[in-house]
Amino acid sequence: MIITYLRSSSYGTHSMCEQQYFIEYNLGLRSPSNQKADKGTIVHKVMEILADISVAAAKGEMFIRDEMCGEINTIDHNVEQITEQVYEYYTSRFTHHQWKPLDLKHCKDWVNKSLKYNNGMLDPRNQKIIQPEQHFDIQIKKPWAKYNYDGIEGYLAIKGTIDLIVEPSPGTLEIVDYKTGRRLDWATGQEKTFSKLQKDPQLRIYHYAASVLYPEIDHVMVSIYYINDGGVFTMCYDKTDLPETEDMIRRKFEEIKRCKRPKLNKSWKCTKLCYFGKNYFENPLIEYRDGYTCENGEPMTMCEQIRHDIDLKGIKEVVDEYKVEGYNVEHYKAPGSTE
């Protein structure tokens, strides 16, 4: 399979199902966004706006201008109104969901819950902010990270967006990540305990990125806030953790790169959670094969059809036939994007 970059979601997708990784990151096929995740995006955006307000206020600026909410006063602003404006922006674009008044209530409740947590500890307006929405795109220029796929060559990159970086004390950075969903590892179905979070790929990648972006900082805290499932969990990392993180990245990169037939991790998730396991191409194949979830004489799902064609033609031919026109395997779609 082709891999030019890793982000936390692509890492998790591959861990859950190699076939889904191949469909999304090699073919460029995307499932419509999940409504629960989109509500999380709305909450993230409100927190980002409040962080922008905090940065501007610290500079003595009276206003910020946001693409969704327009001009916002840094002193006299209404969080509920901001939430409503952000909600209206996203719901007008994510029209594949049926939005109800309860969804807006959820978003407002989750924002308020975040701002009030532990007497406002996580309210961006109460923190010394280094950078809201910290994007990163970092090449790992080491021999093991080099790739060449029929003229597409370069070094593996790690890409992503950190919700918020603050400075709790001089010489220490804290990464804050907001989660509105459950505290689960969806690949295993197990709860993410503190010890599992310590080795969590997302948090490790964030620390690795922070060590490159802020090389003068030795100590980095990563606080992941599960708004609706357990509160805040804080991991502490320093530069001695970087070799283990890089080895984790290397092993995943090599595993994906050497794969010639992605495994289909068949489970109840195929027909309940996976878009490609529930939907069909415009002209689906009807050809029963042992081990497939479709019944004899029934059309193959998108996932089954791609698996069938990989077995029949090989992975390169499937990429040539199914890849979305104009899809760039090096393209990173930022969280909250409506493209």
C-alpha atoms as a PDB file:
ATOM      1  CA  MET A   1       0.000   0.000   0.000  1.00  0.00           C
ATOM      2  CA  ILE A   2       1.005   3.613  -0.442  1.00  0.00           C
ATOM      3  CA  ILE A   3       1.773   5.705   2.613  1.00  0.00           C
ATOM      4  CA  THR A   4       3.220   9.205   2.393  1.00  0.00           C
ATOM      5  CA  TYR A   5       2.120  10.528   5.776  1.00  0.00           C
ATOM      6  CA  LEU A   6       0.635   9.473   9.074  1.00  0.00           C
ATOM      7  CA  ARG A   7      -1.910  11.334  11.125  1.00  0.00           C
ATOM      8  CA  SER A   8      -3.602  10.059  14.248  1.00  0.00           C
ATOM      9  CA  SER A   9      -6.822   9.178  12.407  1.00  0.00           C
ATOM     10  CA  SER A  10      -5.039   7.275   9.621  1.00  0.00           C
ATOM     11  CA  TYR A  11      -3.022   5.390  12.231  1.00  0.00           C
ATOM     12  CA  GLY A  12      -6.239   4.449  14.029  1.00  0.00           C
ATOM     13  CA  THR A  13      -8.035   3.524  10.807  1.00  0.00           C
ATOM     14  CA  HIS A  14      -5.260   1.117   9.825  1.00  0.00           C
ATOM     15  CA  SER A  15      -5.236  -0.428  13.295  1.00  0.00           C
ATOM     16  CA  MET A  16      -8.989  -1.012  13.051  1.00  0.00           C
ATOM     17  CA  CYS A  17      -9.103  -2.288   9.446  1.00  0.00           C
ATOM     18  CA  GLU A  18      -6.377  -2.364   6.772  1.00  0.00           C
ATOM     19  CA  GLN A  19      -9.014  -2.523   4.046  1.00  0.00           C
ATOM     20  CA  GLN A  20     -10.671   0.685   5.243  1.00  0.00           C
ATOM     21  CA  TYR A  21      -7.260   2.395   5.350  1.00  0.00           C
ATOM     22  CA  PHE A  22      -6.627   1.321   1.743  1.00  0.00           C
ATOM     23  CA  ILE A  23     -10.034   2.578   0.594  1.00  0.00           C
ATOM     24  CA  GLU A  24      -9.668   5.972   2.268  1.00  0.00           C
ATOM     25  CA  TYR A  25      -5.958   6.748   1.991  1.00  0.00           C
ATOM     26  CA  ASN A  26      -4.978   4.984  -1.253  1.00  0.00           C
ATOM     27  CA  LEU A  27      -8.184   5.300  -3.274  1.00  0.00           C
ATOM     28  CA  GLY A  28      -9.397   8.601  -1.823  1.00  0.00           C
ATOM     29  CA  LEU A  29     -12.943   7.372  -1.214  1.00  0.00           C
ATOM     30  CA  ARG A  30     -14.498   9.118   1.767  1.00  0.00           C
ATOM     31  CA  SER A  31     -17.544   8.348   3.828  1.00  0.00           C
ATOM     32  CA  PRO A  32     -19.947  11.154   4.778  1.00  0.00           C
ATOM     33  CA  SER A  33     -19.107  12.624   8.164  1.00  0.00           C
ATOM     34  CA  ASN A  34     -20.694  11.188  11.291  1.00  0.00           C
ATOM     35  CA  GLN A  35     -23.225  13.435  13.029  1.00  0.00           C
ATOM     36  CA  LYS A  36     -21.768  12.877  16.494  1.00  0.00           C
ATOM     37  CA  ALA A  37     -18.326  13.763  15.166  1.00  0.00           C
ATOM     38  CA  ASP A  38     -19.738  16.861  13.472  1.00  0.00           C
ATOM     39  CA  LYS A  39     -21.190  18.025  16.783  1.00  0.00           C
ATOM     40  CA  GLY A  40     -17.706  17.558  18.201  1.00  0.00           C
ATOM     41  CA  THR A  41     -16.360  19.737  15.382  1.00  0.00           C
ATOM     42  CA  ILE A  42     -18.797  22.480  16.374  1.00  0.00           C
ATOM     43  CA  VAL A  43     -17.607  22.366  19.993  1.00  0.00           C
ATOM     44  CA  HIS A  44     -13.965  22.415  18.849  1.00  0.00           C
ATOM     45  CA  LYS A  45     -14.595  25.493  16.730  1.00  0.00           C
ATOM     46  CA  VAL A  46     -16.225  27.379  19.609  1.00  0.00           C
ATOM     47  CA  MET A  47     -13.216  26.597  21.815  1.00  0.00           C
ATOM     48  CA  GLU A  48     -10.902  27.744  19.017  1.00  0.00           C
ATOM     49  CA  ILE A  49     -12.752  31.075  18.777  1.00  0.00           C
ATOM     50  CA  LEU A  50     -12.457  31.553  22.543  1.00  0.00           C
ATOM     51  CA  ALA A  51      -8.732  30.846  22.267  1.00  0.00           C
ATOM     52  CA  ASP A  52      -8.439  33.468  19.517  1.00  0.00           C
ATOM     53  CA  ILE A  53     -10.288  35.905  21.785  1.00  0.00           C
ATOM     54  CA  SER A  54      -7.828  35.152  24.586  1.00  0.00           C
ATOM     55  CA  VAL A  55      -4.802  35.752  22.339  1.00  0.00           C
ATOM     56  CA  ALA A  56      -6.219  39.030  21.048  1.00  0.00           C
ATOM     57  CA  ALA A  57      -7.199  40.230  24.521  1.00  0.00           C
ATOM     58  CA  ALA A  58      -3.675  39.540  25.803  1.00  0.00           C
ATOM     59  CA  LYS A  59      -2.404  41.887  23.084  1.00  0.00           C
ATOM     60  CA  GLY A  60      -4.888  44.585  24.096  1.00  0.00           C
ATOM     61  CA  GLU A  61      -6.983  44.123  20.952  1.00  0.00           C
ATOM     62  CA  MET A  62     -10.701  44.831  21.254  1.00  0.00           C
ATOM     63  CA  PHE A  63     -11.979  42.669  18.394  1.00  0.00           C
ATOM     64  CA  ILE A  64     -11.267  39.535  16.398  1.00  0.00           C
ATOM     65  CA  ARG A  65     -12.770  38.649  13.051  1.00  0.00           C
ATOM     66  CA  ASP A  66     -13.894  35.081  12.455  1.00  0.00           C
ATOM     67  CA  GLU A  67     -15.034  33.604   9.145  1.00  0.00           C
ATOM     68  CA  MET A  68     -18.143  32.083  10.744  1.00  0.00           C
ATOM     69  CA  CYS A  69     -19.125  34.661  13.353  1.00  0.00           C
ATOM     70  CA  GLY A  70     -17.807  37.902  11.919  1.00  0.00           C
ATOM     71  CA  GLU A  71     -16.515  40.570  14.322  1.00  0.00           C
ATOM     72  CA  ILE A  72     -16.394  39.522  17.987  1.00  0.00           C
ATOM     73  CA  ASN A  73     -15.628  41.792  20.934  1.00  0.00           C
ATOM     74  CA  THR A  74     -12.840  40.313  23.065  1.00  0.00           C
ATOM     75  CA  ILE A  75     -14.315  41.712  26.277  1.00  0.00           C
ATOM     76  CA  ASP A  76     -18.057  41.757  25.706  1.00  0.00           C
ATOM     77  CA  HIS A  77     -19.030  38.555  23.883  1.00  0.00           C
ATOM     78  CA  ASN A  78     -21.705  35.932  24.324  1.00  0.00           C
ATOM     79  CA  VAL A  79     -20.575  32.280  24.238  1.00  0.00           C
ATOM     80  CA  GLU A  80     -24.088  31.004  23.624  1.00  0.00           C
ATOM     81  CA  GLN A  81     -24.464  33.298  20.620  1.00  0.00           C
ATOM     82  CA  ILE A  82     -21.076  32.203  19.264  1.00  0.00           C
ATOM     83  CA  THR A  83     -22.123  28.563  19.633  1.00  0.00           C
ATOM     84  CA  GLU A  84     -25.365  29.232  17.767  1.00  0.00           C
ATOM     85  CA  GLN A  85     -23.516  30.936  14.907  1.00  0.00           C
ATOM     86  CA  VAL A  86     -20.981  28.121  14.595  1.00  0.00           C
ATOM     87  CA  TYR A  87     -23.805  25.571  14.744  1.00  0.00           C
ATOM     88  CA  GLU A  88     -25.668  27.379  11.965  1.00  0.00           C
ATOM     89  CA  TYR A  89     -22.531  27.478   9.809  1.00  0.00           C
ATOM     90  CA  TYR A  90     -21.819  23.754  10.030  1.00  0.00           C
ATOM     91  CA  THR A  91     -25.397  22.506   9.884  1.00  0.00           C
ATOM     92  CA  SER A  92     -25.957  24.488   6.692  1.00  0.00           C
ATOM     93  CA  ARG A  93     -23.048  22.576   5.136  1.00  0.00           C
ATOM     94  CA  PHE A  94     -23.473  19.128   6.689  1.00  0.00           C
ATOM     95  CA  THR A  95     -26.886  18.657   5.108  1.00  0.00           C
ATOM     96  CA  HIS A  96     -26.686  14.855   5.003  1.00  0.00           C
ATOM     97  CA  HIS A  97     -27.789  14.844   8.679  1.00  0.00           C
ATOM     98  CA  GLN A  98     -31.219  15.543  10.091  1.00  0.00           C
ATOM     99  CA  TRP A  99     -30.485  18.272  12.627  1.00  0.00           C
ATOM    100  CA  LYS A 100     -32.819  18.697  15.591  1.00  0.00           C
ATOM    101  CA  PRO A 101     -33.071  21.256  18.414  1.00  0.00           C
ATOM    102  CA  LEU A 102     -31.603  18.636  20.755  1.00  0.00           C
ATOM    103  CA  ASP A 103     -28.366  18.665  18.744  1.00  0.00           C
ATOM    104  CA  LEU A 104     -27.920  22.396  19.367  1.00  0.00           C
ATOM    105  CA  LYS A 105     -28.637  21.805  23.052  1.00  0.00           C
ATOM    106  CA  HIS A 106     -25.930  19.131  23.156  1.00  0.00           C
ATOM    107  CA  CYS A 107     -23.387  21.503  21.618  1.00  0.00           C
ATOM    108  CA  LYS A 108     -24.250  24.277  24.060  1.00  0.00           C
ATOM    109  CA  ASP A 109     -24.135  21.893  27.016  1.00  0.00           C
ATOM    110  CA  TRP A 110     -20.749  20.467  25.993  1.00  0.00           C
ATOM    111  CA  VAL A 111     -19.241  23.931  25.532  1.00  0.00           C
ATOM    112  CA  ASN A 112     -20.526  25.062  28.926  1.00  0.00           C
ATOM    113  CA  LYS A 113     -19.314  21.865  30.553  1.00  0.00           C
ATOM    114  CA  SER A 114     -15.830  22.446  29.137  1.00  0.00           C
ATOM    115  CA  LEU A 115     -15.696  26.060  30.271  1.00  0.00           C
ATOM    116  CA  LYS A 116     -16.864  25.263  33.793  1.00  0.00           C
ATOM    117  CA  TYR A 117     -14.690  22.186  34.326  1.00  0.00           C
ATOM    118  CA  ASN A 118     -12.685  22.453  37.554  1.00  0.00           C
ATOM    119  CA  ASN A 119     -13.524  26.149  38.033  1.00  0.00           C
ATOM    120  CA  GLY A 120     -12.628  27.151  34.488  1.00  0.00           C
ATOM    121  CA  MET A 121      -9.301  25.323  34.290  1.00  0.00           C
ATOM    122  CA  LEU A 122      -9.835  24.504  30.609  1.00  0.00           C
ATOM    123  CA  ASP A 123     -11.454  27.776  29.547  1.00  0.00           C
ATOM    124  CA  PRO A 124      -9.026  29.176  26.929  1.00  0.00           C
ATOM    125  CA  ARG A 125      -9.701  32.676  28.242  1.00  0.00           C
ATOM    126  CA  ASN A 126      -8.092  31.661  31.549  1.00  0.00           C
ATOM    127  CA  GLN A 127      -4.921  30.216  30.017  1.00  0.00           C
ATOM    128  CA  LYS A 128      -1.660  31.554  28.662  1.00  0.00           C
ATOM    129  CA  ILE A 129      -2.000  30.477  25.067  1.00  0.00           C
ATOM    130  CA  ILE A 130       0.967  29.685  22.873  1.00  0.00           C
ATOM    131  CA  GLN A 131      -0.986  28.588  19.803  1.00  0.00           C
ATOM    132  CA  PRO A 132      -4.603  27.645  19.063  1.00  0.00           C
ATOM    133  CA  GLU A 133      -5.196  25.144  16.250  1.00  0.00           C
ATOM    134  CA  GLN A 134      -1.519  24.299  15.775  1.00  0.00           C
ATOM    135  CA  HIS A 135      -1.149  22.682  12.360  1.00  0.00           C
ATOM    136  CA  PHE A 136       1.919  20.565  11.673  1.00  0.00           C
ATOM    137  CA  ASP A 137       3.364  18.863   8.612  1.00  0.00           C
ATOM    138  CA  ILE A 138       6.758  17.428   9.523  1.00  0.00           C
ATOM    139  CA  GLN A 139       8.915  15.224   7.317  1.00  0.00           C
ATOM    140  CA  ILE A 140      11.020  12.605   9.085  1.00  0.00           C
ATOM    141  CA  LYS A 141      14.216  12.786   7.040  1.00  0.00           C
ATOM    142  CA  LYS A 142      15.777   9.497   8.036  1.00  0.00           C
ATOM    143  CA  PRO A 143      16.713   6.560   5.794  1.00  0.00           C
ATOM    144  CA  TRP A 144      13.906   4.317   7.073  1.00  0.00           C
ATOM    145  CA  ALA A 145      11.294   7.000   6.297  1.00  0.00           C
ATOM    146  CA  LYS A 146      12.109   7.320   2.584  1.00  0.00           C
ATOM    147  CA  TYR A 147       9.549   6.071   0.046  1.00  0.00           C
ATOM    148  CA  ASN A 148       9.260   5.798  -3.729  1.00  0.00           C
ATOM    149  CA  TYR A 149       6.041   4.682  -5.408  1.00  0.00           C
ATOM    150  CA  ASP A 150       6.299   4.849  -9.199  1.00  0.00           C
ATOM    151  CA  GLY A 151       7.672   8.388  -9.191  1.00  0.00           C
ATOM    152  CA  ILE A 152       6.016   9.563  -5.985  1.00  0.00           C
ATOM    153  CA  GLU A 153       8.969   9.898  -3.678  1.00  0.00           C
ATOM    154  CA  GLY A 154       9.876  11.644  -0.484  1.00  0.00           C
ATOM    155  CA  TYR A 155      10.033  11.130   3.255  1.00  0.00           C
ATOM    156  CA  LEU A 156       7.227  10.076   5.535  1.00  0.00           C
ATOM    157  CA  ALA A 157       5.511  13.053   7.161  1.00  0.00           C
ATOM    158  CA  ILE A 158       3.435  13.302  10.284  1.00  0.00           C
ATOM    159  CA  LYS A 159       0.504  15.657   9.875  1.00  0.00           C
ATOM    160  CA  GLY A 160      -2.238  16.928  12.108  1.00  0.00           C
ATOM    161  CA  THR A 161      -3.810  19.744  14.056  1.00  0.00           C
ATOM    162  CA  ILE A 162      -3.428  20.222  17.805  1.00  0.00           C
ATOM    163  CA  ASP A 163      -6.500  21.835  19.382  1.00  0.00           C
ATOM    164  CA  LEU A 164      -4.614  24.112  21.768  1.00  0.00           C
ATOM    165  CA  ILE A 165      -1.109  24.658  23.149  1.00  0.00           C
ATOM    166  CA  VAL A 166      -0.740  26.583  26.402  1.00  0.00           C
ATOM    167  CA  GLU A 167       2.078  27.399  28.817  1.00  0.00           C
ATOM    168  CA  PRO A 168       1.077  26.332  32.358  1.00  0.00           C
ATOM    169  CA  SER A 169       4.511  27.291  33.720  1.00  0.00           C
ATOM    170  CA  PRO A 170       7.784  28.628  32.257  1.00  0.00           C
ATOM    171  CA  GLY A 171       9.610  25.979  30.242  1.00  0.00           C
ATOM    172  CA  THR A 172       6.612  23.629  30.025  1.00  0.00           C
ATOM    173  CA  LEU A 173       4.044  23.277  27.265  1.00  0.00           C
ATOM    174  CA  GLU A 174       0.622  21.719  27.659  1.00  0.00           C
ATOM    175  CA  ILE A 175      -1.260  20.318  24.708  1.00  0.00           C
ATOM    176  CA  VAL A 176      -5.032  20.324  25.235  1.00  0.00           C
ATOM    177  CA  ASP A 177      -7.266  18.069  23.160  1.00  0.00           C
ATOM    178  CA  TYR A 178     -11.058  18.067  23.484  1.00  0.00           C
ATOM    179  CA  LYS A 179     -13.060  14.875  22.927  1.00  0.00           C
ATOM    180  CA  THR A 180     -16.848  14.760  22.845  1.00  0.00           C
ATOM    181  CA  GLY A 181     -17.043  11.012  22.157  1.00  0.00           C
ATOM    182  CA  ARG A 182     -16.445   7.956  24.278  1.00  0.00           C
ATOM    183  CA  ARG A 183     -13.109   7.011  25.821  1.00  0.00           C
ATOM    184  CA  LEU A 184     -12.714   3.915  23.667  1.00  0.00           C
ATOM    185  CA  ASP A 185     -10.092   2.398  21.434  1.00  0.00           C
ATOM    186  CA  TRP A 186     -12.366   1.581  18.496  1.00  0.00           C
ATOM    187  CA  ALA A 187      -9.849  -0.900  17.087  1.00  0.00           C
ATOM    188  CA  THR A 188     -10.078  -3.107  20.193  1.00  0.00           C
ATOM    189  CA  GLY A 189     -13.330  -1.939  21.772  1.00  0.00           C
ATOM    190  CA  GLN A 190     -11.500  -1.472  25.078  1.00  0.00           C
ATOM    191  CA  GLU A 191     -11.630   1.557  27.324  1.00  0.00           C
ATOM    192  CA  LYS A 192      -8.620   3.851  27.165  1.00  0.00           C
ATOM    193  CA  THR A 193      -7.128   3.700  30.648  1.00  0.00           C
ATOM    194  CA  PHE A 194      -4.397   6.053  31.843  1.00  0.00           C
ATOM    195  CA  SER A 195      -1.682   3.488  31.052  1.00  0.00           C
ATOM    196  CA  LYS A 196      -3.098   2.955  27.536  1.00  0.00           C
ATOM    197  CA  LEU A 197      -3.327   6.686  26.944  1.00  0.00           C
ATOM    198  CA  GLN A 198       0.355   7.003  27.862  1.00  0.00           C
ATOM    199  CA  LYS A 199       1.131   4.971  24.718  1.00  0.00           C
ATOM    200  CA  ASP A 200      -1.720   6.353  22.601  1.00  0.00           C
ATOM    201  CA  PRO A 201      -0.521   7.090  19.025  1.00  0.00           C
ATOM    202  CA  GLN A 202      -2.333  10.442  18.818  1.00  0.00           C
ATOM    203  CA  LEU A 203      -0.807  11.781  22.013  1.00  0.00           C
ATOM    204  CA  ARG A 204       2.620  10.402  21.112  1.00  0.00           C
ATOM    205  CA  ILE A 205       2.484  11.990  17.646  1.00  0.00           C
ATOM    206  CA  TYR A 206       1.424  15.294  19.197  1.00  0.00           C
ATOM    207  CA  HIS A 207       4.392  15.210  21.552  1.00  0.00           C
ATOM    208  CA  TYR A 208       6.735  14.332  18.677  1.00  0.00           C
ATOM    209  CA  ALA A 209       5.400  17.265  16.645  1.00  0.00           C
ATOM    210  CA  ALA A 210       5.680  19.654  19.612  1.00  0.00           C
ATOM    211  CA  SER A 211       9.309  18.605  20.133  1.00  0.00           C
ATOM    212  CA  VAL A 212      10.064  19.687  16.545  1.00  0.00           C
ATOM    213  CA  LEU A 213       7.995  22.869  16.596  1.00  0.00           C
ATOM    214  CA  TYR A 214       9.277  23.948  20.026  1.00  0.00           C
ATOM    215  CA  PRO A 215      12.749  22.364  20.312  1.00  0.00           C
ATOM    216  CA  GLU A 216      13.710  24.593  23.245  1.00  0.00           C
ATOM    217  CA  ILE A 217      11.031  22.978  25.440  1.00  0.00           C
ATOM    218  CA  ASP A 218      12.046  19.856  27.372  1.00  0.00           C
ATOM    219  CA  HIS A 219       8.772  18.955  29.078  1.00  0.00           C
ATOM    220  CA  VAL A 220       5.409  18.573  27.377  1.00  0.00           C
ATOM    221  CA  MET A 221       2.124  17.712  29.064  1.00  0.00           C
ATOM    222  CA  VAL A 222      -0.708  16.314  26.966  1.00  0.00           C
ATOM    223  CA  SER A 223      -4.158  16.743  28.498  1.00  0.00           C
ATOM    224  CA  ILE A 224      -6.978  14.945  26.766  1.00  0.00           C
ATOM    225  CA  TYR A 225     -10.388  16.063  27.979  1.00  0.00           C
ATOM    226  CA  TYR A 226     -13.208  13.565  27.531  1.00  0.00           C
ATOM    227  CA  ILE A 227     -16.075  15.980  28.008  1.00  0.00           C
ATOM    228  CA  ASN A 228     -18.695  13.248  28.354  1.00  0.00           C
ATOM    229  CA  ASP A 229     -16.649  10.264  29.491  1.00  0.00           C
ATOM    230  CA  GLY A 230     -14.292  10.696  32.390  1.00  0.00           C
ATOM    231  CA  GLY A 231     -12.892  14.217  32.371  1.00  0.00           C
ATOM    232  CA  VAL A 232      -9.226  15.112  31.963  1.00  0.00           C
ATOM    233  CA  PHE A 233      -6.315  12.694  31.638  1.00  0.00           C
ATOM    234  CA  THR A 234      -2.860  14.273  31.601  1.00  0.00           C
ATOM    235  CA  MET A 235       0.271  12.541  30.281  1.00  0.00           C
ATOM    236  CA  CYS A 236       3.769  13.933  30.800  1.00  0.00           C
ATOM    237  CA  TYR A 237       6.478  13.430  28.192  1.00  0.00           C
ATOM    238  CA  ASP A 238      10.057  14.577  27.750  1.00  0.00           C
ATOM    239  CA  LYS A 239      12.745  14.045  25.117  1.00  0.00           C
ATOM    240  CA  THR A 240      13.622  10.589  26.428  1.00  0.00           C
ATOM    241  CA  ASP A 241      10.223   9.429  25.126  1.00  0.00           C
ATOM    242  CA  LEU A 242      10.956  10.438  21.528  1.00  0.00           C
ATOM    243  CA  PRO A 243      12.884   7.301  20.432  1.00  0.00           C
ATOM    244  CA  GLU A 244       9.973   5.075  21.470  1.00  0.00           C
ATOM    245  CA  THR A 245       7.520   7.308  19.607  1.00  0.00           C
ATOM    246  CA  GLU A 246       9.662   7.336  16.478  1.00  0.00           C
ATOM    247  CA  ASP A 247       9.943   3.554  16.609  1.00  0.00           C
ATOM    248  CA  MET A 248       6.156   3.315  16.867  1.00  0.00           C
ATOM    249  CA  ILE A 249       5.816   5.531  13.777  1.00  0.00           C
ATOM    250  CA  ARG A 250       8.478   3.536  11.887  1.00  0.00           C
ATOM    251  CA  ARG A 251       6.817   0.188  12.592  1.00  0.00           C
ATOM    252  CA  LYS A 252       3.413   1.414  11.405  1.00  0.00           C
ATOM    253  CA  PHE A 253       4.958   2.982   8.279  1.00  0.00           C
ATOM    254  CA  GLU A 254       6.785  -0.225   7.360  1.00  0.00           C
ATOM    255  CA  GLU A 255       3.748  -2.393   8.064  1.00  0.00           C
ATOM    256  CA  ILE A 256       1.574  -0.334   5.720  1.00  0.00           C
ATOM    257  CA  LYS A 257       4.238   0.035   3.035  1.00  0.00           C
ATOM    258  CA  ARG A 258       4.934  -3.694   2.684  1.00  0.00           C
ATOM    259  CA  CYS A 259       1.243  -4.681   2.549  1.00  0.00           C
ATOM    260  CA  LYS A 260       0.170  -6.074  -0.844  1.00  0.00           C
ATOM    261  CA  ARG A 261      -3.259  -7.383   0.170  1.00  0.00           C
ATOM    262  CA  PRO A 262      -4.943  -5.365   2.916  1.00  0.00           C
ATOM    263  CA  LYS A 263      -6.740  -7.507   5.472  1.00  0.00           C
ATOM    264  CA  LEU A 264     -10.454  -7.058   5.959  1.00  0.00           C
ATOM    265  CA  ASN A 265     -11.100  -7.052   9.684  1.00  0.00           C
ATOM    266  CA  LYS A 266     -14.602  -8.540   9.583  1.00  0.00           C
ATOM    267  CA  SER A 267     -16.801  -7.800  12.568  1.00  0.00           C
ATOM    268  CA  TRP A 268     -20.178  -6.295  13.482  1.00  0.00           C
ATOM    269  CA  LYS A 269     -18.602  -2.900  12.737  1.00  0.00           C
ATOM    270  CA  CYS A 270     -18.638  -3.694   8.992  1.00  0.00           C
ATOM    271  CA  THR A 271     -22.400  -3.341   8.667  1.00  0.00           C
ATOM    272  CA  LYS A 272     -23.029  -1.034  11.623  1.00  0.00           C
ATOM    273  CA  LEU A 273     -20.230   1.555  11.548  1.00  0.00           C
ATOM    274  CA  CYS A 274     -18.386   1.332   8.223  1.00  0.00           C
ATOM    275  CA  TYR A 275     -19.842   3.270   5.294  1.00  0.00           C
ATOM    276  CA  PHE A 276     -18.065   1.006   2.793  1.00  0.00           C
ATOM    277  CA  GLY A 277     -19.478  -2.101   4.462  1.00  0.00           C
ATOM    278  CA  LYS A 278     -23.044  -0.768   4.200  1.00  0.00           C
ATOM    279  CA  ASN A 279     -23.108   0.871   0.753  1.00  0.00           C
ATOM    280  CA  TYR A 280     -22.608  -0.056  -2.880  1.00  0.00           C
ATOM    281  CA  PHE A 281     -20.998   1.289  -6.024  1.00  0.00           C
ATOM    282  CA  GLU A 282     -23.347   2.504  -8.749  1.00  0.00           C
ATOM    283  CA  ASN A 283     -23.074  -0.786 -10.658  1.00  0.00           C
ATOM    284  CA  PRO A 284     -22.127  -3.336  -7.991  1.00  0.00           C
ATOM    285  CA  LEU A 285     -20.819  -6.799  -8.708  1.00  0.00           C
ATOM    286  CA  ILE A 286     -23.101  -9.733  -8.001  1.00  0.00           C
ATOM    287  CA  GLU A 287     -20.783 -12.678  -7.521  1.00  0.00           C
ATOM    288  CA  TYR A 288     -20.868 -14.777  -4.368  1.00  0.00           C
ATOM    289  CA  ARG A 289     -17.564 -15.722  -2.749  1.00  0.00           C
ATOM    290  CA  ASP A 290     -16.987 -17.788   0.369  1.00  0.00           C
ATOM    291  CA  GLY A 291     -16.149 -15.625   3.350  1.00  0.00           C
ATOM    292  CA  TYR A 292     -18.033 -12.570   2.121  1.00  0.00           C
ATOM    293  CA  THR A 293     -20.841 -11.006   4.116  1.00  0.00           C
ATOM    294  CA  CYS A 294     -23.191 -10.620   1.145  1.00  0.00           C
ATOM    295  CA  GLU A 295     -25.696 -13.383   0.470  1.00  0.00           C
ATOM    296  CA  ASN A 296     -25.611 -15.523  -2.673  1.00  0.00           C
ATOM    297  CA  GLY A 297     -27.151 -13.519  -5.509  1.00  0.00           C
ATOM    298  CA  GLU A 298     -26.947 -10.220  -3.618  1.00  0.00           C
ATOM    299  CA  PRO A 299     -24.721  -7.307  -4.716  1.00  0.00           C
ATOM    300  CA  MET A 300     -21.325  -6.830  -3.108  1.00  0.00           C
ATOM    301  CA  THR A 301     -20.791  -3.873  -0.854  1.00  0.00           C
ATOM    302  CA  MET A 302     -18.101  -1.346  -1.805  1.00  0.00           C
ATOM    303  CA  CYS A 303     -15.713  -3.034   0.598  1.00  0.00           C
ATOM    304  CA  GLU A 304     -16.421  -6.547  -0.678  1.00  0.00           C
ATOM    305  CA  GLN A 305     -16.122  -5.488  -4.315  1.00  0.00           C
ATOM    306  CA  ILE A 306     -12.719  -3.872  -3.766  1.00  0.00           C
ATOM    307  CA  ARG A 307     -11.537  -6.929  -1.851  1.00  0.00           C
ATOM    308  CA  HIS A 308     -12.799  -9.154  -4.688  1.00  0.00           C
ATOM    309  CA  ASP A 309     -10.937  -7.111  -7.310  1.00  0.00           C
ATOM    310  CA  ILE A 310      -7.691  -7.036  -5.302  1.00  0.00           C
ATOM    311  CA  ASP A 311      -7.797 -10.850  -5.191  1.00  0.00           C
ATOM    312  CA  LEU A 312      -8.546 -10.998  -8.915  1.00  0.00           C
ATOM    313  CA  LYS A 313      -6.388  -8.186 -10.344  1.00  0.00           C
ATOM    314  CA  GLY A 314      -3.896  -7.086  -7.699  1.00  0.00           C
ATOM    315  CA  ILE A 315      -3.577  -3.924  -5.668  1.00  0.00           C
ATOM    316  CA  LYS A 316      -1.983  -1.737  -8.377  1.00  0.00           C
ATOM    317  CA  GLU A 317      -4.782  -2.373 -10.885  1.00  0.00           C
ATOM    318  CA  VAL A 318      -7.393  -1.634  -8.237  1.00  0.00           C
ATOM    319  CA  VAL A 319      -5.714   1.704  -7.464  1.00  0.00           C
ATOM    320  CA  ASP A 320      -5.683   2.559 -11.173  1.00  0.00           C
ATOM    321  CA  GLU A 321      -9.351   1.617 -11.560  1.00  0.00           C
ATOM    322  CA  TYR A 322     -10.930   2.923  -8.354  1.00  0.00           C
ATOM    323  CA  LYS A 323      -8.859   5.916  -7.269  1.00  0.00           C
ATOM    324  CA  VAL A 324     -10.930   9.094  -7.096  1.00  0.00           C
ATOM    325  CA  GLU A 325     -10.089  11.441  -9.963  1.00  0.00           C
ATOM    326  CA  GLY A 326      -7.709  14.164  -8.798  1.00  0.00           C
ATOM    327  CA  TYR A 327      -7.032  12.482  -5.455  1.00  0.00           C
ATOM    328  CA  ASN A 328      -3.561  13.227  -4.088  1.00  0.00           C
ATOM    329  CA  VAL A 329      -2.149  10.628  -1.696  1.00  0.00           C
ATOM    330  CA  GLU A 330      -0.134  13.393  -0.021  1.00  0.00           C
ATOM    331  CA  HIS A 331      -3.186  15.571   0.709  1.00  0.00           C
ATOM    332  CA  TYR A 332      -4.192  16.183   4.309  1.00  0.00           C
ATOM    333  CA  LYS A 333      -7.751  17.227   5.132  1.00  0.00           C
ATOM    334  CA  ALA A 334      -7.751  19.389   8.262  1.00  0.00           C
ATOM    335  CA  PRO A 335     -10.310  18.706  11.006  1.00  0.00           C
ATOM    336  CA  GLY A 336     -13.471  20.751  10.631  1.00  0.00           C
ATOM    337  CA  SER A 337     -13.023  21.136   6.899  1.00  0.00           C
ATOM    338  CA  THR A 338     -16.273  21.192   4.942  1.00  0.00           C
ATOM    339  CA  GLU A 339     -14.623  20.280   1.620  1.00  0.00           C
END
